[in-house]
Structure formats: C-alpha cells, structure tokens
C-alpha cells in the first residue's frame, strides 16, 4: 500500500491539516484501489494523477468530513 500526495487546486502543496479561516468547512477524501503501482510523478496535479490512474481503478470510495475551529 502506498499514498500519493499531490498539489492542491491552488497549485501549492497541502499544509499540515485542516485550518479553515472561519466557519465550518468540508473536506473530501478519495481512496482508490488500483491494479498497478503508479510511477513516480513528483508532485503531481490532480489531473496528472487521474490521467496516470486511468484504466487502473478497481474500486473507489469517497469520504466527506467537516471541520470548524474551536471558539
């Protein structure tokens, strides 16, 4: 089992965890079971990861979590 950490939509690497500026925010996590190990993609964009996974996804799951800073 391995994981791949890519860039956020804003084009920068993710920080250390959820830290919404105000209010409650939603965070989406996607998990894919692949029939292959992806090559080293460096720090890929979402589109690059999806292109590399194309045709190799056996199963997938999605989880939505929420987070709000304590007051």
Protein backbone atom coordinates (compact mmCIF):
# COMPACT_ATOMS: atom_id res chain seq x y z
CA UNK A 1 0.00 0.00 0.00
CA UNK A 2 1.24 3.49 -0.76
CA UNK A 3 -0.08 7.00 -0.96
CA UNK A 4 0.48 9.91 -3.27
CA UNK A 5 0.39 13.50 -2.08
CA UNK A 6 -0.20 15.98 -4.87
CA UNK A 7 -0.88 19.67 -5.20
CA UNK A 8 -3.99 21.45 -4.05
CA UNK A 9 -6.27 23.09 -6.60
CA UNK A 10 -4.45 26.35 -5.82
CA UNK A 11 -1.24 24.76 -7.18
CA UNK A 12 0.58 24.51 -3.87
CA UNK A 13 1.33 21.51 -1.63
CA UNK A 14 -1.11 20.86 1.22
CA UNK A 15 -0.32 22.22 4.68
CA UNK A 16 -0.34 20.22 7.91
CA UNK A 17 -4.09 19.72 8.16
CA UNK A 18 -7.44 21.45 8.11
CA UNK A 19 -7.37 25.11 9.08
CA UNK A 20 -10.40 26.96 7.76
CA UNK A 21 -10.30 30.74 8.23
CA UNK A 22 -13.87 30.97 9.55
CA UNK A 23 -16.91 28.74 9.90
CA UNK A 24 -17.29 25.07 9.10
CA UNK A 25 -15.56 23.73 6.00
CA UNK A 26 -15.97 20.48 4.11
CA UNK A 27 -13.02 18.27 3.19
CA UNK A 28 -13.25 15.49 0.61
CA UNK A 29 -11.04 12.41 0.73
CA UNK A 30 -10.86 9.92 -2.13
CA UNK A 31 -9.43 6.42 -1.93
CA UNK A 32 -8.66 4.30 -4.98
CA UNK A 33 -7.71 0.63 -5.30
CA UNK A 34 -5.52 0.25 -8.38
CA UNK A 35 -4.29 -2.79 -10.27
CA UNK A 36 -0.82 -1.25 -10.62
CA UNK A 37 1.69 0.93 -8.80
CA UNK A 38 1.87 4.38 -10.32
CA UNK A 39 5.25 5.67 -11.50
CA UNK A 40 6.99 8.45 -9.59
CA UNK A 41 5.03 11.55 -10.60
CA UNK A 42 6.95 14.00 -8.42
CA UNK A 43 4.42 16.48 -7.03
CA UNK A 44 1.55 15.96 -9.48
CA UNK A 45 -1.59 17.95 -10.09
CA UNK A 46 -4.96 16.24 -9.70
CA UNK A 47 -5.25 15.97 -13.49
CA UNK A 48 -1.86 14.21 -13.71
CA UNK A 49 -2.83 11.68 -11.03
CA UNK A 50 -6.19 11.00 -12.68
CA UNK A 51 -4.51 10.52 -16.07
CA UNK A 52 -1.97 8.07 -14.58
CA UNK A 53 -4.79 6.10 -12.87
CA UNK A 54 -6.98 5.93 -15.98
CA UNK A 55 -7.83 2.32 -16.77
CA UNK A 56 -6.35 1.03 -13.49
CA UNK A 57 -9.10 1.80 -10.92
CA UNK A 58 -10.57 -1.39 -9.43
CA UNK A 59 -12.65 0.26 -6.68
CA UNK A 60 -13.03 3.70 -5.18
CA UNK A 61 -14.54 5.34 -2.11
CA UNK A 62 -15.14 8.93 -1.04
CA UNK A 63 -15.48 10.44 2.41
CA UNK A 64 -16.62 13.95 3.24
CA UNK A 65 -15.61 15.33 6.61
CA UNK A 66 -16.23 18.71 8.20
CA UNK A 67 -14.05 20.80 10.48
CA UNK A 68 -14.54 24.01 12.40
CA UNK A 69 -12.02 25.77 14.61
CA UNK A 70 -12.84 25.85 18.30
CA UNK A 71 -14.20 29.14 19.54
